[in-house]
Protein backbone atom coordinates (compact mmCIF):
# COMPACT_ATOMS: atom_id res chain seq x y z
CA MET A 1 52.21 -14.65 43.17
CA LYS A 2 48.71 -13.38 42.37
CA SER A 3 46.47 -12.71 45.33
CA ILE A 4 43.19 -10.96 46.07
CA ARG A 5 43.84 -8.09 48.48
CA VAL A 6 41.42 -5.94 50.46
CA HIS A 7 42.54 -2.48 51.62
CA GLN A 8 39.24 -1.19 53.00
CA PHE A 9 35.74 -2.37 53.88
CA GLY A 10 33.18 -2.12 51.13
CA GLU A 11 31.33 -3.76 48.28
CA PRO A 12 32.76 -6.59 46.12
CA ASP A 13 34.80 -4.14 44.04
CA VAL A 14 37.26 -3.72 46.95
CA LEU A 15 38.57 -7.21 46.05
CA LYS A 16 41.65 -6.44 43.94
CA VAL A 17 44.18 -8.74 42.24
CA GLU A 18 47.73 -7.85 43.28
CA ASP A 19 51.23 -9.35 43.08
CA ILE A 20 52.62 -10.21 46.50
CA PRO A 21 55.62 -12.31 47.63
CA ASP A 22 55.27 -16.10 47.83
CA PRO A 23 54.70 -17.32 51.40
CA VAL A 24 57.58 -19.01 53.21
CA ALA A 25 56.84 -21.83 55.66
CA GLY A 26 58.15 -21.20 59.17
CA PRO A 27 58.18 -23.60 62.12
CA GLY A 28 54.95 -25.59 62.29
CA GLN A 29 53.73 -24.14 59.00
CA ILE A 30 52.94 -25.52 55.55
CA ALA A 31 53.02 -23.66 52.22
CA VAL A 32 50.42 -24.99 49.79
CA GLY A 33 50.14 -24.32 46.06
CA LEU A 34 46.42 -23.88 45.58
CA CYS A 35 44.47 -25.53 42.76
CA ALA A 36 41.02 -24.42 43.99
CA ILE A 37 39.65 -21.96 46.56
CA GLY A 38 36.35 -22.14 48.42
CA VAL A 39 34.14 -19.04 48.66
CA ASN A 40 31.93 -18.69 51.77
CA PRO A 41 29.27 -16.14 52.82
CA VAL A 42 31.27 -15.26 55.95
CA GLU A 43 33.97 -13.75 53.72
CA THR A 44 31.45 -11.23 52.39
CA TYR A 45 30.55 -10.23 55.96
CA ILE A 46 34.22 -9.73 56.84
CA ARG A 47 34.71 -7.72 53.65
CA LYS A 48 31.84 -5.44 54.71
CA GLY A 49 33.20 -5.06 58.24
CA ILE A 50 30.26 -6.77 59.99
CA ALA A 51 31.83 -10.10 61.00
CA GLY A 52 35.19 -10.31 62.67
CA PRO A 53 38.22 -8.04 62.67
CA ALA A 54 40.37 -7.38 59.61
CA GLN A 55 43.87 -5.95 59.49
CA PHE A 56 44.43 -4.18 56.17
CA PRO A 57 45.54 -5.13 53.68
CA TYR A 58 44.44 -8.76 53.88
CA THR A 59 43.79 -11.73 51.64
CA PRO A 60 40.35 -13.29 52.24
CA GLY A 61 39.55 -16.95 52.63
CA THR A 62 40.22 -19.99 54.80
CA ASP A 63 39.30 -22.84 52.43
CA GLY A 64 41.24 -24.34 49.54
CA ALA A 65 42.86 -27.46 48.13
CA GLY A 66 46.15 -28.08 46.39
CA ILE A 67 49.65 -29.52 46.70
CA VAL A 68 52.07 -29.07 49.59
CA GLU A 69 55.07 -27.10 48.28
CA SER A 70 57.17 -26.80 51.44
CA ILE A 71 57.03 -27.44 55.17
CA GLY A 72 58.61 -25.77 58.17
CA ASP A 73 60.51 -27.27 61.08
CA GLY A 74 58.47 -29.61 63.24
CA VAL A 75 55.83 -30.50 60.65
CA THR A 76 55.12 -34.24 60.64
CA ARG A 77 51.63 -34.63 59.14
CA ALA A 78 52.43 -33.53 55.58
CA LYS A 79 55.30 -33.52 53.10
CA PRO A 80 55.96 -31.77 49.78
CA GLY A 81 53.84 -33.27 47.00
CA ASP A 82 50.91 -34.28 49.22
CA ARG A 83 47.35 -33.56 48.06
CA VAL A 84 45.62 -31.60 50.84
CA TYR A 85 42.62 -29.47 51.68
CA LEU A 86 42.66 -26.51 54.06
CA SER A 87 40.39 -25.62 56.94
CA GLY A 88 42.16 -22.44 57.94
CA SER A 89 45.02 -20.25 56.72
CA VAL A 90 47.53 -17.80 58.14
CA SER A 91 47.83 -15.82 54.91
CA GLY A 92 44.35 -16.23 53.35
CA THR A 93 43.39 -18.53 50.49
CA TYR A 94 42.23 -16.19 47.71
CA ALA A 95 45.67 -16.56 46.14
CA GLN A 96 47.91 -18.86 44.16
CA ARG A 97 49.58 -20.06 47.37
CA ALA A 98 48.61 -20.14 51.01
CA LEU A 99 50.50 -20.39 54.28
CA CYS A 100 48.84 -22.58 56.91
CA LEU A 101 49.41 -23.99 60.35
CA GLU A 102 49.88 -27.76 60.33
CA LYS A 103 46.65 -28.23 62.31
CA HIS A 104 44.62 -26.68 59.47
CA VAL A 105 45.91 -28.96 56.68
CA PHE A 106 44.25 -32.32 55.96
CA ARG A 107 44.81 -35.15 53.53
CA LEU A 108 42.69 -34.98 50.38
CA PRO A 109 41.59 -38.47 49.31
CA ASP A 110 42.47 -39.43 45.74
CA ASN A 111 38.81 -39.85 44.79
CA ILE A 112 38.09 -36.19 45.59
CA SER A 113 38.92 -33.42 43.10
CA PHE A 114 40.69 -30.22 44.13
CA ALA A 115 37.47 -28.27 43.51
CA GLN A 116 35.60 -30.62 45.83
CA GLY A 117 38.41 -30.37 48.37
CA ALA A 118 38.04 -26.58 48.37
CA ALA A 119 34.38 -27.09 49.30
CA VAL A 120 35.09 -29.10 52.46
CA GLY A 121 36.50 -26.65 55.06
CA VAL A 122 33.87 -24.21 56.27
CA PRO A 123 30.77 -25.93 54.79
CA TYR A 124 31.42 -29.45 56.02
CA VAL A 125 32.91 -28.53 59.39
CA THR A 126 29.93 -26.21 59.95
CA ALA A 127 27.44 -28.90 58.95
CA TYR A 128 29.16 -31.59 61.04
CA ARG A 129 29.23 -29.38 64.13
CA ALA A 130 25.65 -28.18 63.59
CA VAL A 131 24.08 -31.60 63.04
CA LEU A 132 26.08 -33.88 65.32
CA VAL A 133 27.59 -31.61 67.99
CA ARG A 134 25.35 -28.60 68.60
CA GLY A 135 22.20 -30.38 67.36
CA SER A 136 23.12 -33.75 68.93
CA ALA A 137 21.18 -35.56 66.18
CA LYS A 138 20.70 -39.27 66.87
CA PRO A 139 19.93 -42.17 64.51
CA GLY A 140 16.20 -42.40 63.96
CA GLN A 141 15.54 -38.73 64.68
CA THR A 142 14.17 -36.31 62.10
CA VAL A 143 16.48 -33.51 60.97
CA PHE A 144 14.98 -30.53 59.12
CA ILE A 145 17.43 -28.43 57.10
CA HIS A 146 15.83 -25.06 56.48
CA GLY A 147 17.60 -23.96 53.29
CA ALA A 148 19.36 -27.10 52.12
CA SER A 149 20.66 -26.41 48.60
CA GLY A 150 23.74 -24.33 49.47
CA GLY A 151 27.18 -25.61 50.44
CA VAL A 152 26.42 -26.02 54.16
CA GLY A 153 22.89 -27.28 53.54
CA LEU A 154 23.96 -30.05 51.17
CA ALA A 155 26.74 -31.08 53.56
CA ALA A 156 24.18 -31.23 56.38
CA VAL A 157 21.88 -33.42 54.27
CA GLN A 158 24.69 -35.88 53.56
CA ILE A 159 25.95 -35.93 57.16
CA ALA A 160 22.48 -36.37 58.70
CA ARG A 161 21.58 -39.12 56.23
CA ALA A 162 24.84 -40.97 56.92
CA ALA A 163 24.10 -40.71 60.66
CA GLY A 164 20.85 -42.63 60.24
CA CYS A 165 18.47 -39.68 60.52
CA THR A 166 15.30 -39.01 58.56
CA VAL A 167 16.17 -35.90 56.57
CA ILE A 168 13.78 -33.21 55.36
CA GLY A 169 15.15 -30.24 53.43
CA THR A 170 13.85 -27.12 51.75
CA ALA A 171 14.91 -25.15 48.67
CA GLY A 172 13.36 -22.28 46.75
CA THR A 173 13.85 -23.59 43.21
CA GLU A 174 13.00 -26.82 41.43
CA ALA A 175 16.67 -27.33 40.55
CA GLY A 176 17.60 -26.87 44.20
CA ARG A 177 14.96 -29.30 45.43
CA LYS A 178 16.07 -31.90 42.88
CA LEU A 179 19.67 -31.56 44.08
CA VAL A 180 18.72 -31.82 47.75
CA ARG A 181 16.74 -34.99 47.02
CA GLU A 182 19.63 -36.47 45.05
CA GLN A 183 21.98 -35.86 47.98
CA GLY A 184 19.93 -37.93 50.38
CA ALA A 185 16.93 -36.01 51.73
CA HIS A 186 13.90 -38.24 52.26
CA ASP A 187 11.53 -35.34 51.59
CA VAL A 188 12.09 -31.90 50.09
CA LEU A 189 9.75 -28.91 50.44
CA ASP A 190 9.46 -25.56 48.68
CA HIS A 191 10.01 -22.90 51.34
CA SER A 192 8.38 -20.31 49.10
CA ALA A 193 5.07 -22.21 49.22
CA SER A 194 2.53 -20.77 51.65
CA ASP A 195 1.71 -24.15 53.21
CA TYR A 196 5.15 -25.75 53.43
CA LEU A 197 5.18 -25.74 57.24
CA LYS A 198 1.85 -27.58 57.27
CA GLN A 199 3.34 -30.08 54.83
CA LEU A 200 6.27 -30.53 57.21
CA MET A 201 4.01 -31.17 60.20
CA ASP A 202 1.99 -33.67 58.14
CA LEU A 203 5.21 -35.55 57.34
CA THR A 204 5.87 -35.91 61.08
CA ALA A 205 2.24 -36.76 61.95
CA GLY A 206 2.05 -33.51 63.90
CA ALA A 207 4.96 -34.29 66.20
CA GLY A 208 7.42 -31.82 64.66
CA VAL A 209 11.10 -32.37 63.95
CA ASN A 210 13.79 -33.25 66.46
CA VAL A 211 16.60 -31.08 65.04
CA ILE A 212 16.38 -27.96 62.87
CA ILE A 213 19.44 -26.63 61.06
CA GLU A 214 18.60 -22.99 60.33
CA MET A 215 20.39 -21.08 57.56
CA LEU A 216 18.39 -17.82 57.72
CA ALA A 217 17.31 -17.22 61.29
CA ASN A 218 16.22 -13.62 60.77
CA VAL A 219 13.42 -14.95 58.53
CA ASN A 220 12.68 -18.37 59.96
CA LEU A 221 13.52 -18.65 63.67
CA ALA A 222 10.01 -17.72 64.88
CA LYS A 223 8.56 -20.35 62.51
CA ASP A 224 11.06 -22.94 63.70
CA LEU A 225 9.76 -22.62 67.26
CA THR A 226 6.31 -23.75 66.04
CA ILE A 227 7.51 -26.88 64.20
CA VAL A 228 10.23 -28.24 66.47
CA ALA A 229 9.35 -31.37 68.41
CA LYS A 230 9.12 -31.48 72.19
CA PHE A 231 12.64 -31.30 73.67
CA GLY A 232 13.95 -30.54 70.15
CA GLN A 233 17.04 -28.63 69.11
CA ILE A 234 17.31 -25.59 66.81
CA VAL A 235 20.79 -24.75 65.56
CA VAL A 236 21.28 -21.28 64.06
CA VAL A 237 23.95 -21.49 61.35
CA GLY A 238 23.17 -18.23 59.52
CA SER A 239 21.32 -14.96 60.08
CA ARG A 240 21.32 -11.65 58.27
CA GLY A 241 19.57 -9.47 60.81
CA PRO A 242 17.37 -9.36 63.94
CA ILE A 243 14.07 -11.15 64.51
CA GLU A 244 11.31 -11.07 67.12
CA ILE A 245 10.29 -14.46 68.52
CA ASN A 246 7.65 -15.68 70.97
CA PRO A 247 9.54 -17.50 73.75
CA ARG A 248 6.34 -19.30 74.77
CA ASP A 249 6.44 -21.28 71.53
CA GLY A 250 9.74 -22.70 72.72
CA MET A 251 8.63 -23.06 76.33
CA THR A 252 5.69 -25.32 75.52
CA ARG A 253 8.10 -27.67 73.75
CA GLU A 254 11.08 -27.11 76.07
CA ALA A 255 13.06 -26.62 72.89
CA ASP A 256 16.66 -25.42 72.89
CA ILE A 257 18.08 -22.77 70.56
CA HIS A 258 21.79 -23.15 69.86
CA THR A 259 23.93 -20.67 68.00
CA MET A 260 27.24 -21.50 66.41
CA ARG A 261 30.17 -20.06 64.52
CA VAL A 262 32.50 -22.52 62.86
CA PHE A 263 35.61 -20.58 63.89
CA ASN A 264 34.77 -21.20 67.55
CA ALA A 265 35.45 -24.93 67.21
CA PRO A 266 38.31 -25.90 69.57
CA ASP A 267 41.45 -27.21 67.87
CA GLY A 268 41.08 -30.71 69.30
CA GLU A 269 37.51 -30.95 68.08
CA LEU A 270 38.50 -29.60 64.66
CA GLN A 271 40.92 -32.48 64.23
CA SER A 272 38.20 -34.94 65.21
CA TYR A 273 35.64 -33.41 62.83
CA ASN A 274 38.04 -33.53 59.90
CA ALA A 275 39.06 -37.12 60.63
CA ALA A 276 35.39 -38.05 60.27
CA LEU A 277 35.04 -35.90 57.13
CA VAL A 278 38.05 -37.53 55.44
CA ALA A 279 36.55 -40.95 56.16
CA GLY A 280 33.23 -39.84 54.66
CA LEU A 281 34.95 -38.46 51.57
CA GLU A 282 36.82 -41.73 51.10
CA ASN A 283 33.78 -43.98 51.40
CA GLY A 284 31.53 -41.76 49.28
CA THR A 285 28.95 -40.76 51.90
CA LEU A 286 30.20 -37.17 51.61
CA ARG A 287 30.21 -35.69 48.10
CA PRO A 288 30.90 -31.93 47.79
CA ILE A 289 28.78 -30.44 45.00
CA ILE A 290 30.32 -27.66 42.90
CA ARG A 291 27.97 -25.05 41.50
CA THR A 292 30.50 -23.15 39.42
CA GLU A 293 34.23 -22.53 39.03
CA LEU A 294 35.49 -18.99 38.37
CA PRO A 295 38.97 -17.52 37.85
CA LEU A 296 40.63 -15.81 40.81
CA SER A 297 40.11 -12.43 39.16
CA ALA A 298 36.33 -13.02 39.33
CA ALA A 299 36.32 -12.91 43.14
CA PRO A 300 33.96 -9.87 43.13
CA LYS A 301 31.44 -11.83 41.04
CA ALA A 302 31.83 -14.81 43.36
CA HIS A 303 30.95 -12.61 46.34
CA GLU A 304 27.80 -11.47 44.56
CA LEU A 305 26.78 -15.01 43.63
CA VAL A 306 27.37 -16.52 47.06
CA MET A 307 24.82 -14.14 48.60
CA GLN A 308 22.07 -14.76 46.05
CA SER A 309 19.13 -17.01 46.84
CA GLY A 310 18.59 -20.25 44.96
CA ALA A 311 22.08 -21.66 45.60
CA CYS A 312 22.81 -25.09 44.15
CA GLY A 313 26.18 -26.11 45.54
CA LYS A 314 29.55 -24.47 46.12
CA ILE A 315 31.29 -21.59 44.34
CA VAL A 316 34.99 -22.19 43.77
CA LEU A 317 37.79 -19.90 42.52
CA VAL A 318 40.60 -21.29 40.37
CA PRO A 319 43.92 -19.43 40.71
């Protein structure tokens, strides 16, 4: 089968298409023929050698959607022919087929396309854990998503809105702001505007926001500490470098800063999160938005695009 392989850390050009043997399902494993593959920023960090270990050569990726081809001994939650999405992989998902543990394979509702299914894993589990678990958002609270037009941001908008929260998002382009509004945000601000934080405080009558989902902490965390409500929660989902903050800004509000990494979610919780996500996909409250679909061979381009600002949805590879 065709697979993207990485033999050394480096820039996107280290992503090479190679022929490798088809995976074979062992005990507790499922082999899935992939129809779509999700591309996430974390895969660019791993490729560069700055996030997590890598044993060369490796196939990147944890997200995808397709059809179960075979199952190993002991598998009870899936059978050949099932439509599924993946939230983890033993072999990597930038390939025509992927080998997965049973616990990382979930039913894909019939109303969800394979491309949308490939956009569920990392983005929606991250958003669910950030908004409802680490952020502890409650109905009636205000959730501010700082950078809401990417895959995780849009998922967070949908999840917070479905939870009964007042949702405020930001995006840097008009197209992004339009999309964020369409996906359920009550108000959308331009984070490139010089007065957008004042606009935010005006929207909350000066009280600040209860929960902040932060996509770029190295730029925004110090600002977040000045707009969070008293006893509020800040959840750091993404950061691309260090930042200096004034702890007193947090102290006056007794605000909490939480960090998170989706791969730290315990297995039992992962099953719970995905049960909720499948229900949301079925009833239409969760609607993965696809920005573009590219062939597997365009993985280097996908890694460039996923790190550019102005994201409007999810980038998906088609094997």
